[in-house]
Protein backbone atom coordinates (compact mmCIF):
# COMPACT_ATOMS: atom_id res chain seq x y z
CA MET A 1 37.66 -102.61 102.53
CA THR A 2 38.08 -98.85 102.05
CA ILE A 3 39.03 -96.36 104.67
CA SER A 4 37.11 -93.13 104.68
CA PRO A 5 39.01 -89.85 104.33
CA MET A 6 37.77 -88.86 107.78
CA THR A 7 39.22 -92.04 109.37
CA ARG A 8 42.49 -91.58 107.52
CA ALA A 9 42.71 -87.96 108.74
CA ALA A 10 41.92 -89.06 112.31
CA ASN A 11 44.70 -91.68 112.14
CA VAL A 12 47.22 -89.14 110.86
CA LEU A 13 46.25 -86.68 113.59
CA ARG A 14 46.48 -89.42 116.27
CA ARG A 15 50.00 -90.40 115.15
CA TRP A 16 51.10 -86.78 115.15
CA LEU A 17 49.66 -86.20 118.63
CA VAL A 18 51.42 -89.31 119.99
CA ARG A 19 54.76 -88.16 118.54
CA PHE A 20 54.28 -84.59 119.73
CA PHE A 21 53.34 -85.45 123.31
CA SER A 22 55.88 -88.26 123.67
CA ARG A 23 58.72 -85.75 123.32
CA ARG A 24 59.79 -84.83 126.81
CA LEU A 25 61.03 -81.44 127.83
CA PRO A 26 64.06 -81.58 130.14
CA SER A 27 63.25 -81.77 133.86
CA LEU A 28 65.00 -79.14 135.95
CA GLN A 29 67.55 -80.18 138.56
CA VAL A 30 70.01 -78.24 140.67
CA GLY A 31 73.69 -79.06 141.22
CA ALA A 32 76.42 -77.89 143.55
CA LEU A 33 79.95 -77.41 142.23
CA CYS A 34 81.71 -77.48 145.59
CA LEU A 35 85.12 -75.77 145.71
CA ARG A 36 87.87 -75.17 148.25
CA GLY A 37 91.22 -73.44 148.01
CA ARG A 38 92.23 -70.38 146.03
CA PRO A 39 92.72 -70.03 142.26
CA GLY A 40 95.70 -72.10 141.15
CA ARG A 41 95.25 -74.45 144.10
CA ARG A 42 91.51 -75.00 143.80
CA GLU A 43 89.91 -78.38 144.37
CA VAL A 44 86.49 -79.76 143.33
CA LEU A 45 84.46 -82.12 145.49
CA LEU A 46 83.05 -85.10 143.56
CA VAL A 47 80.73 -87.75 144.97
CA SER A 48 79.90 -91.21 143.74
CA SER A 49 76.43 -91.78 142.33
CA LEU A 50 74.19 -94.17 144.22
CA GLY A 51 73.35 -96.48 141.33
CA THR A 52 76.48 -96.84 139.25
CA GLY A 53 79.23 -95.37 141.41
CA ARG A 54 80.30 -92.94 138.68
CA TRP A 55 81.71 -89.57 139.71
CA ILE A 56 79.26 -86.64 139.81
CA ILE A 57 78.58 -83.41 141.67
CA PRO A 58 75.81 -83.29 144.30
CA LYS A 59 72.54 -82.65 142.50
CA GLY A 60 68.81 -83.12 142.89
CA TRP A 61 65.35 -81.68 142.38
CA PRO A 62 64.25 -78.13 143.21
CA MET A 63 62.63 -77.86 146.66
CA ARG A 64 59.45 -76.06 147.63
CA GLY A 65 60.20 -73.07 149.82
CA ARG A 66 63.86 -72.79 148.70
CA THR A 67 65.50 -70.91 145.89
CA LEU A 68 67.38 -73.02 143.36
CA ALA A 69 70.63 -71.97 144.98
CA GLU A 70 69.42 -72.98 148.42
CA ALA A 71 68.23 -76.32 147.05
CA ALA A 72 71.69 -76.91 145.53
CA LEU A 73 73.35 -76.18 148.90
CA ARG A 74 70.93 -78.53 150.63
CA GLU A 75 71.74 -81.30 148.10
CA ALA A 76 75.46 -80.73 148.76
CA TRP A 77 74.86 -81.28 152.48
CA GLU A 78 72.60 -84.31 152.03
CA GLU A 79 74.95 -86.07 149.58
CA ALA A 80 78.37 -84.95 150.89
CA GLY A 81 77.99 -83.21 154.26
CA VAL A 82 79.04 -79.86 152.75
CA GLN A 83 78.86 -76.68 154.86
CA GLY A 84 79.47 -73.48 152.97
CA GLU A 85 78.24 -70.50 151.04
CA VAL A 86 76.36 -70.76 147.73
CA GLY A 87 76.30 -68.18 144.95
CA ALA A 88 72.86 -66.79 144.12
CA LEU A 89 73.21 -67.12 140.34
CA PRO A 90 73.94 -70.28 138.37
CA PHE A 91 77.53 -70.77 137.20
CA GLY A 92 76.19 -72.70 134.19
CA SER A 93 74.14 -75.72 133.24
CA PHE A 94 74.49 -79.11 131.61
CA GLY A 95 72.17 -81.78 130.33
CA TYR A 96 72.13 -85.51 130.88
CA ALA A 97 69.71 -88.48 130.78
CA LYS A 98 68.71 -89.63 134.28
CA GLN A 99 68.37 -93.39 134.37
CA ARG A 100 65.45 -94.81 136.36
CA GLU A 101 64.89 -98.44 137.28
CA SER A 102 61.44 -98.94 135.77
CA ALA A 103 61.20 -96.20 133.13
CA ALA A 104 62.90 -94.72 130.10
CA PRO A 105 65.70 -92.19 130.81
CA THR A 106 64.46 -88.72 131.75
CA PRO A 107 66.20 -85.81 130.04
CA CYS A 108 67.41 -83.33 132.71
CA GLU A 109 68.92 -79.88 132.69
CA VAL A 110 71.03 -79.18 135.78
CA GLN A 111 71.47 -75.58 136.85
CA VAL A 112 74.86 -75.57 138.62
CA PHE A 113 75.71 -73.28 141.54
CA ILE A 114 79.17 -72.66 143.00
CA VAL A 115 79.49 -73.56 146.67
CA LYS A 116 82.49 -72.27 148.59
CA VAL A 117 83.04 -75.03 151.11
CA SER A 118 83.90 -74.06 154.67
CA GLY A 119 83.66 -77.53 156.17
CA LEU A 120 82.45 -81.11 155.80
CA ASP A 121 80.16 -82.87 158.30
CA ALA A 122 80.95 -86.49 159.13
CA ASP A 123 77.27 -87.20 159.81
CA TYR A 124 74.90 -86.40 156.92
CA PRO A 125 71.92 -88.23 155.33
CA GLU A 126 73.85 -90.14 152.65
CA ALA A 127 77.03 -90.85 154.64
CA GLY A 128 78.12 -94.44 154.00
CA GLN A 129 76.20 -94.54 150.71
CA ARG A 130 78.51 -92.33 148.66
CA VAL A 131 82.23 -91.76 148.42
CA ARG A 132 83.38 -88.15 148.39
CA ARG A 133 86.71 -87.06 146.93
CA TRP A 134 88.59 -83.76 146.59
CA VAL A 135 90.45 -83.46 143.27
CA ARG A 136 92.02 -80.79 141.13
CA PRO A 137 89.78 -79.51 138.31
CA ILE A 138 91.89 -81.21 135.65
CA GLU A 139 91.43 -84.55 137.46
CA ALA A 140 87.71 -83.95 137.89
CA VAL A 141 87.34 -83.36 134.14
CA ALA A 142 88.82 -86.79 133.48
CA MET A 143 86.62 -88.48 136.13
CA VAL A 144 83.12 -87.27 135.21
CA ASP A 145 81.15 -88.77 132.32
CA GLU A 146 78.79 -85.92 131.33
CA PRO A 147 80.40 -83.72 128.63
CA GLY A 148 78.56 -80.62 129.79
CA LEU A 149 79.76 -81.07 133.37
CA ARG A 150 83.30 -81.63 132.13
CA ALA A 151 83.10 -78.32 130.26
CA LEU A 152 81.88 -76.45 133.36
CA ILE A 153 84.62 -77.84 135.56
CA GLY A 154 87.20 -77.20 132.85
CA GLY A 155 86.15 -73.54 132.80
CA LEU A 156 87.15 -72.96 136.43
């Protein structure tokens, strides 16, 4: 059985298209690097993740009708009860692979905004589902898993 040149070309093109479109661009998320105290005595707020319990910063997806900074502040409130002021421009970004139950990991880029915390609410949407903890930046660097997030916190 011989394969025609046209069929061979179609197969090559099909394989190339599958490889090309199976590469995923990173999905955009927003994160809140929540701080209190003054330089030299600064603390970072970490929260536990819902699935694995590892230490992270509040983060989530952009929200329609909100700037990225406003969405980051909203995530900080939903996940940790944070009240405060958010900077308009990102402090930096980091990448990670978001694990999902029924799918392959999704590559994500998190734009991180500084939030100056003025208070913490006791009642917020994810209260009782997460642990929140204030730590010095050097401790936070040792607690988080994502290398890019460690670098951002280490740069405070």
